Amino acid sequence: MNEYYTQVRSILVYILLINLLVVVVKMTVGFISNSLSMISDSLHSLLDASSNVIGLIGIRIARRKPDEDHPYGHTKYIPLATLLIAVLLVITAFEVFQGAIARFITPVSPEITVVNWIVMCATMGVNIFISRFEKREGIKYNSSILVADSAHTNTDIYVSLSVIVSFILINLGYPLFDPVISVLIAIVVFYTGASIIKKITGELTDSLVINSDLIKKIVSNIKGVKDIHKIRSRGSATECFVDLHVIVDRSITVEAGHDISIEVENILKKTFPFIKDVTVHIEPYLDNN
């Protein structure tokens, strides 16, 4: 687990530095050219950097060992950090939308230069690299933060494409499309944030992680197990806790029952490596079971 946190932290630091560079370049050129869509895009990139910082804080806290107040550890700070990233996305969507409305009320014609084109194309290429790299590493390490952040970064690609389209339309004599594109950007950012919130809420509210029927099918093949019920799992695909009631012959010894519970735990952990702990309740088989 410590290796997991170290790897995820290193990836987030690397991406944070790149995102900060992208923010500075986009925002500078955006203000010089008075392009609202480009400024909106730079705010989105700034949010990327903010989400990286939140992820780093979440990782730092989550890696703490279990203590008296947190006997299950601090891993819930991972989805909590992911939720904060999503909330920032939603807030940014509203900010971009308000800016677009203001531009509709007070129209301004941006001055698009070769520098704008170079910056947008270059930063879009950077975002494509970041998104693919982060998603690959997120899947590799089963990291919800990296996967969520890669989805966030992926929206930057579409946002950048939208900005480039606005440049084309502005050059064709349609400056009104600058705030129009900003509205589209706001919608994309809001949708991304809402999607992450919906996904991560299940983890924070202890929704089922592993299909109970699948667990029952696996455990039923263990010798001495007559039935299984009250199967529960919670946590995430990174760290999961399972508890279940296993019914055995009432004539067996306590030691034999204990051996069965150990076997249940071992086979579940082997099948699902992300399971951290399994609690097995041994019950005697009765005629009315």
Protein backbone atom coordinates (compact mmCIF):
# COMPACT_ATOMS: atom_id res chain seq x y z
CA MET A 1 0.00 0.00 0.00
CA ASN A 2 2.86 2.41 0.75
CA GLU A 3 4.23 1.75 -2.74
CA TYR A 4 0.80 2.60 -4.16
CA TYR A 5 0.70 5.95 -2.36
CA THR A 6 4.28 6.76 -3.35
CA GLN A 7 3.65 6.04 -7.03
CA VAL A 8 0.36 7.98 -7.14
CA ARG A 9 1.98 10.93 -5.33
CA SER A 10 4.88 11.03 -7.80
CA ILE A 11 2.48 11.01 -10.76
CA LEU A 12 0.38 13.83 -9.28
CA VAL A 13 3.45 16.00 -8.61
CA TYR A 14 4.68 15.49 -12.17
CA ILE A 15 1.30 16.41 -13.65
CA LEU A 16 0.89 19.38 -11.27
CA LEU A 17 4.07 21.00 -12.58
CA ILE A 18 2.95 20.55 -16.18
CA ASN A 19 -0.52 21.95 -15.45
CA LEU A 20 0.91 25.04 -13.75
CA LEU A 21 3.05 25.76 -16.81
CA VAL A 22 0.00 25.35 -19.07
CA VAL A 23 -2.04 27.74 -16.88
CA VAL A 24 0.58 30.50 -17.02
CA VAL A 25 0.94 30.28 -20.82
CA LYS A 26 -2.79 30.08 -21.60
CA MET A 27 -3.83 32.83 -19.21
CA THR A 28 -1.09 35.22 -20.36
CA VAL A 29 -1.93 34.84 -24.04
CA GLY A 30 -5.67 34.87 -23.30
CA PHE A 31 -5.53 38.23 -21.51
CA ILE A 32 -3.25 39.77 -24.15
CA SER A 33 -5.61 38.74 -26.96
CA ASN A 34 -8.78 39.39 -24.89
CA SER A 35 -10.09 35.91 -25.77
CA LEU A 36 -12.74 34.84 -23.24
CA SER A 37 -12.76 31.24 -24.47
CA MET A 38 -9.00 31.02 -23.98
CA ILE A 39 -9.20 32.60 -20.51
CA SER A 40 -11.98 30.14 -19.63
CA ASP A 41 -9.76 27.31 -20.82
CA SER A 42 -6.90 28.60 -18.64
CA LEU A 43 -9.25 28.61 -15.62
CA HIS A 44 -10.10 25.01 -16.41
CA SER A 45 -6.38 24.22 -16.50
CA LEU A 46 -5.95 26.06 -13.19
CA LEU A 47 -8.59 23.77 -11.76
CA ASP A 48 -6.52 20.83 -13.01
CA ALA A 49 -3.61 22.10 -10.93
CA SER A 50 -5.90 22.64 -7.92
CA SER A 51 -7.24 19.11 -8.22
CA ASN A 52 -3.67 17.80 -8.27
CA VAL A 53 -2.96 19.64 -4.99
CA ILE A 54 -6.15 18.24 -3.42
CA GLY A 55 -5.14 14.78 -4.59
CA LEU A 56 -1.71 15.15 -3.02
CA ILE A 57 -3.25 16.22 0.30
CA GLY A 58 -5.69 13.31 0.17
CA ILE A 59 -2.87 10.84 -0.55
CA ARG A 60 -0.77 12.25 2.31
CA ILE A 61 -3.58 11.78 4.84
CA ALA A 62 -4.78 8.43 3.45
CA ARG A 63 -1.38 6.80 3.87
CA ARG A 64 -1.50 7.27 7.65
CA LYS A 65 -1.72 4.06 9.64
CA PRO A 66 -4.94 3.09 11.47
CA ASP A 67 -5.26 4.68 14.90
CA GLU A 68 -7.69 4.64 17.82
CA ASP A 69 -10.07 7.07 16.14
CA HIS A 70 -9.70 5.51 12.67
CA PRO A 71 -9.42 1.73 13.16
CA TYR A 72 -10.19 1.13 9.47
CA GLY A 73 -7.46 3.52 8.39
CA HIS A 74 -7.71 6.85 6.56
CA THR A 75 -8.40 5.64 3.00
CA LYS A 76 -11.76 7.45 2.87
CA TYR A 77 -9.77 10.64 2.37
CA ILE A 78 -9.07 9.43 -1.18
CA PRO A 79 -12.73 9.54 -2.35
CA LEU A 80 -13.22 12.69 -0.25
CA ALA A 81 -10.40 14.40 -2.14
CA THR A 82 -11.89 13.16 -5.42
CA LEU A 83 -15.26 14.64 -4.39
CA LEU A 84 -13.64 18.00 -3.70
CA ILE A 85 -12.07 17.93 -7.16
CA ALA A 86 -15.52 17.34 -8.66
CA VAL A 87 -17.05 20.18 -6.61
CA LEU A 88 -14.33 22.53 -7.90
CA LEU A 89 -15.27 21.49 -11.42
CA VAL A 90 -18.90 22.43 -10.86
CA ILE A 91 -17.94 25.80 -9.32
CA THR A 92 -15.65 26.56 -12.24
CA ALA A 93 -18.46 25.73 -14.68
CA PHE A 94 -20.64 28.41 -13.09
CA GLU A 95 -17.79 30.94 -13.15
CA VAL A 96 -17.16 30.33 -16.86
CA PHE A 97 -20.89 30.55 -17.58
CA GLN A 98 -21.19 33.88 -15.76
CA GLY A 99 -18.23 35.26 -17.72
CA ALA A 100 -19.89 34.20 -20.98
CA ILE A 101 -23.16 35.92 -20.05
CA ALA A 102 -21.25 39.13 -19.23
CA ARG A 103 -19.56 38.98 -22.64
CA PHE A 104 -22.97 38.58 -24.32
CA ILE A 105 -24.14 41.75 -22.57
CA THR A 106 -20.94 43.66 -23.35
CA PRO A 107 -19.50 42.25 -26.60
CA VAL A 108 -15.72 42.42 -27.12
CA SER A 109 -13.90 41.37 -30.27
CA PRO A 110 -10.81 39.26 -29.43
CA GLU A 111 -7.54 39.71 -31.34
CA ILE A 112 -6.47 36.24 -32.42
CA THR A 113 -2.82 35.93 -33.45
CA VAL A 114 -0.48 33.15 -34.50
CA VAL A 115 0.64 32.91 -30.85
CA ASN A 116 -2.92 31.97 -29.80
CA TRP A 117 -2.95 29.14 -32.33
CA ILE A 118 0.46 27.84 -31.31
CA VAL A 119 -0.36 27.92 -27.58
CA MET A 120 -3.72 26.15 -27.95
CA CYS A 121 -2.38 23.43 -30.25
CA ALA A 122 0.69 22.84 -28.06
CA THR A 123 -1.25 22.71 -24.78
CA MET A 124 -3.84 20.40 -26.35
CA GLY A 125 -1.03 18.04 -27.25
CA VAL A 126 0.24 18.20 -23.66
CA ASN A 127 -3.27 17.41 -22.34
CA ILE A 128 -3.59 14.40 -24.64
CA PHE A 129 -0.31 13.05 -23.24
CA ILE A 130 -1.31 13.75 -19.62
CA SER A 131 -4.77 12.23 -19.99
CA ARG A 132 -3.53 8.98 -21.53
CA PHE A 133 -0.61 8.67 -19.12
CA GLU A 134 -2.73 9.38 -16.04
CA LYS A 135 -5.51 7.01 -17.08
CA ARG A 136 -3.01 4.21 -17.77
CA GLU A 137 -1.35 4.69 -14.38
CA GLY A 138 -4.72 5.03 -12.65
CA ILE A 139 -5.86 1.67 -14.01
CA LYS A 140 -2.48 0.14 -13.19
CA TYR A 141 -2.63 1.23 -9.54
CA ASN A 142 -6.43 1.08 -9.14
CA SER A 143 -6.39 4.75 -8.16
CA SER A 144 -9.75 6.55 -8.19
CA ILE A 145 -7.97 9.90 -7.90
CA LEU A 146 -5.84 9.32 -11.00
CA VAL A 147 -8.73 7.93 -13.04
CA ALA A 148 -11.00 10.85 -12.02
CA ASP A 149 -8.25 13.36 -12.72
CA SER A 150 -7.56 11.80 -16.12
CA ALA A 151 -11.26 12.18 -16.98
CA HIS A 152 -10.97 15.79 -15.85
CA THR A 153 -7.89 16.33 -18.01
CA ASN A 154 -9.63 14.61 -20.91
CA THR A 155 -12.26 17.37 -20.91
CA ASP A 156 -9.40 19.84 -21.47
CA ILE A 157 -8.85 18.27 -24.88
CA TYR A 158 -12.44 18.94 -25.93
CA VAL A 159 -12.31 22.39 -24.36
CA SER A 160 -9.14 23.21 -26.32
CA LEU A 161 -10.76 21.98 -29.52
CA SER A 162 -13.74 24.24 -28.79
CA VAL A 163 -11.43 27.21 -28.31
CA ILE A 164 -9.70 26.48 -31.63
CA VAL A 165 -13.13 26.36 -33.31
CA SER A 166 -13.93 29.75 -31.75
CA PHE A 167 -10.66 31.12 -33.22
CA ILE A 168 -11.74 29.97 -36.69
CA LEU A 169 -15.18 31.56 -36.32
CA ILE A 170 -13.73 34.81 -34.95
CA ASN A 171 -11.36 35.03 -37.92
CA LEU A 172 -14.35 34.51 -40.22
CA GLY A 173 -16.00 37.56 -38.64
CA TYR A 174 -18.17 36.02 -35.93
CA PRO A 175 -16.77 37.29 -32.57
CA LEU A 176 -20.04 36.37 -30.82
CA PHE A 177 -18.97 32.73 -30.94
CA ASP A 178 -16.27 33.45 -28.33
CA PRO A 179 -18.80 33.55 -25.43
CA VAL A 180 -20.89 30.84 -27.13
CA ILE A 181 -17.92 28.47 -26.97
CA SER A 182 -17.40 29.48 -23.32
CA VAL A 183 -20.96 28.37 -22.56
CA LEU A 184 -20.23 25.00 -24.20
CA ILE A 185 -17.06 24.73 -22.12
CA ALA A 186 -19.09 25.42 -18.96
CA ILE A 187 -21.51 22.62 -19.87
CA VAL A 188 -18.68 20.14 -20.47
CA VAL A 189 -16.98 21.05 -17.17
CA PHE A 190 -20.26 20.82 -15.23
CA TYR A 191 -21.10 17.42 -16.74
CA THR A 192 -17.65 16.07 -15.86
CA GLY A 193 -17.94 17.27 -12.26
CA ALA A 194 -21.46 15.88 -11.86
CA SER A 195 -20.39 12.50 -13.27
CA ILE A 196 -17.49 12.23 -10.81
CA ILE A 197 -19.75 13.22 -7.90
CA LYS A 198 -22.27 10.55 -8.85
CA LYS A 199 -19.57 7.89 -9.08
CA ILE A 200 -17.65 8.74 -5.92
CA THR A 201 -20.75 9.19 -3.73
CA GLY A 202 -21.30 5.44 -3.82
CA GLU A 203 -17.86 4.85 -2.36
CA LEU A 204 -18.36 7.41 0.39
CA THR A 205 -21.75 5.96 1.34
CA ASP A 206 -20.46 2.36 1.49
CA SER A 207 -22.25 1.03 -1.58
CA LEU A 208 -21.62 -2.60 -2.60
CA VAL A 209 -18.15 -3.16 -4.06
CA ILE A 210 -18.18 -6.87 -4.98
CA ASN A 211 -21.24 -8.70 -6.27
CA SER A 212 -22.61 -10.80 -3.40
CA ASP A 213 -23.65 -13.67 -5.69
CA LEU A 214 -20.07 -13.90 -6.97
CA ILE A 215 -18.71 -14.11 -3.41
CA LYS A 216 -21.29 -16.77 -2.57
CA LYS A 217 -20.35 -18.82 -5.63
CA ILE A 218 -16.64 -18.74 -4.70
CA VAL A 219 -17.10 -19.53 -1.01
CA SER A 220 -19.66 -22.31 -1.66
CA ASN A 221 -16.91 -24.41 -3.26
CA ILE A 222 -14.95 -24.55 0.00
CA LYS A 223 -15.16 -27.90 1.75
CA GLY A 224 -17.28 -27.77 4.92
CA VAL A 225 -19.33 -24.73 3.86
CA LYS A 226 -23.04 -25.54 3.76
CA ASP A 227 -24.40 -22.09 3.04
CA ILE A 228 -23.52 -18.36 3.04
CA HIS A 229 -25.67 -15.34 3.76
CA LYS A 230 -25.55 -11.72 4.95
CA ILE A 231 -22.74 -10.95 2.50
CA ARG A 232 -21.55 -7.34 2.57
CA SER A 233 -18.66 -5.42 1.04
CA ARG A 234 -17.67 -1.77 1.25
CA GLY A 235 -14.76 0.46 0.36
CA SER A 236 -13.29 0.79 -3.11
CA ALA A 237 -11.45 -1.05 -5.84
CA THR A 238 -8.25 -0.03 -4.03
CA GLU A 239 -9.13 -1.17 -0.53
CA CYS A 240 -12.20 -3.23 0.30
CA PHE A 241 -13.68 -4.77 3.47
CA VAL A 242 -15.90 -7.86 3.34
CA ASP A 243 -17.98 -9.59 5.97
CA LEU A 244 -20.23 -12.61 5.62
CA HIS A 245 -21.94 -15.37 7.61
CA VAL A 246 -20.83 -18.91 6.81
CA ILE A 247 -22.95 -21.88 7.89
CA VAL A 248 -21.12 -25.10 8.79
CA ASP A 249 -21.99 -28.46 10.31
CA ARG A 250 -22.82 -27.88 13.99
CA SER A 251 -20.95 -31.03 15.01
CA ILE A 252 -17.50 -29.77 13.98
CA THR A 253 -15.01 -28.39 16.50
CA VAL A 254 -14.30 -24.70 17.06
CA GLU A 255 -10.86 -25.26 15.58
CA ALA A 256 -12.35 -26.78 12.41
CA GLY A 257 -14.75 -23.87 12.11
CA HIS A 258 -11.85 -21.47 12.51
CA ASP A 259 -9.90 -23.26 9.77
CA ILE A 260 -12.85 -22.86 7.40
CA SER A 261 -13.04 -19.12 8.15
CA ILE A 262 -9.31 -18.77 7.42
CA GLU A 263 -9.76 -20.59 4.12
CA VAL A 264 -12.69 -18.33 3.22
CA GLU A 265 -10.58 -15.27 3.95
CA ASN A 266 -7.58 -16.55 1.98
CA ILE A 267 -9.52 -17.54 -1.14
CA LEU A 268 -11.39 -14.21 -1.24
CA LYS A 269 -8.17 -12.21 -0.86
CA LYS A 270 -6.53 -14.31 -3.55
CA THR A 271 -9.48 -13.80 -5.93
CA PHE A 272 -9.80 -10.09 -5.13
CA PRO A 273 -6.33 -8.72 -4.24
CA PHE A 274 -7.79 -5.33 -3.28
CA ILE A 275 -9.60 -6.86 -0.28
CA LYS A 276 -7.88 -5.67 2.88
CA ASP A 277 -9.88 -7.57 5.47
CA VAL A 278 -12.53 -10.31 5.62
CA THR A 279 -14.71 -10.90 8.67
CA VAL A 280 -16.25 -14.38 8.74
CA HIS A 281 -19.09 -15.20 11.15
CA ILE A 282 -19.36 -18.96 11.65
CA GLU A 283 -22.90 -20.25 12.27
CA PRO A 284 -24.09 -23.82 13.01
CA TYR A 285 -26.25 -25.57 10.44
CA LEU A 286 -29.79 -26.10 11.70
CA ASP A 287 -32.68 -27.95 10.11
CA ASN A 288 -34.56 -24.69 9.54
CA ASN A 289 -31.54 -23.02 7.77
